[in-house]
Amino acid sequence: MVSSDVSTPGQSVSPLVTPSELADLLMQQRPPVILDVRYPGPGSEADGHAQYVAGHVPTAVFLPFDGVLSGRCVPGVTGRHPFPEPETFQAGMRAVGVSASRPVVVYDDWKSIAAARAWWMLCWAGHKNVRVLDGGWRAWVGSGAPISEEDTVVAPGDFTVSPSGRTLIDADGAAQLAQHAILIDARPADRFRGQGETIDPVAGHIPGAVSLPALDLVNAQGRFLPALELITRFVALGVQDDTEVGIYCGSGIQACHVALAAQICGVCDDPAIYMGSWSEWITDPRRPTERG
């Protein structure tokens, strides 16, 4: 069901920032908190923290994905990257210097997939000024901007989680949207169809869902497509100004990426996220699945 502790979205600025804009922000007397969330993705042998140590945006702090942006996975009960306890998320945000009064910019090296999860969760928690570096680390390096190898030490922040910015739903809520509104599956199209599934033990999708792969919403450089192109993708699924929309993926990461795209183009400010997603859906054999 839809959570009752959410209201209207709290984002008051553009959700994206370019490398040149971020460089200018870093020159201000009170620059934003920069979070490096280089989570390489499922199955990768890369070490996000090692990548951070080798070079990062000046003043950026490394934000671990597991343990802050994801709670403990319980096989057969939760999805692979379940929603963390609010207290855990709050402590993690404070540890990297996040405060409600200071803007936050997040980036990764995974076409903003992990960064979008951090963006969405901070918005859900009530932060009013969170942005994602469009194109991530690759764009920053490509712009010729300065790079730091110094491990940034920050004073603890005082951010308090106050769920008010985004809608979070569970499996029942996702099923209802799939039947009576629009439920978007953000995984690659072949996994939606039930083909080439290599991550989850059950292939297919939630009955009634429609496919909109998150990685189709960025170009080869990892930058989001122009707003008009993004709008076209959503409208093709039937999304309109008054459409109720939900999004899920494999484990609640790529779903946030599609939610970010929806806000970038203005087609839907607050699509509901089923954070448990497919990997949680299939833990209950009574839940139906569909292929094709």
Foldseek 3Di string as FASTA:
>chain_A
DKDPQADAAQADDFQEDELVRLLVQVPDPAHAAEEEEADPDPPDPDDSVVVVLVKDDPLYAYQYCEQALFDDDDPLAFFPGHGHDQVSNQQSCQQSPDELVGAYEYFYQPLCLQVLSVQVVVRQQPRHHYHYHFLGPLSNVVVVHDIDNDNHHDHGYDHGGRGYHAMADAPVVLLVCLVPFAEEEQAPPCQQQQHPDDDAPGGHFQPSYDYDHLVVQADPSSGGDPLVVLVVSVVVRVQAQPTAYAYAYRAQRSRSSNQSSCVNNVSDNYHYYHRRHPRNQVSDVVRDGHHD
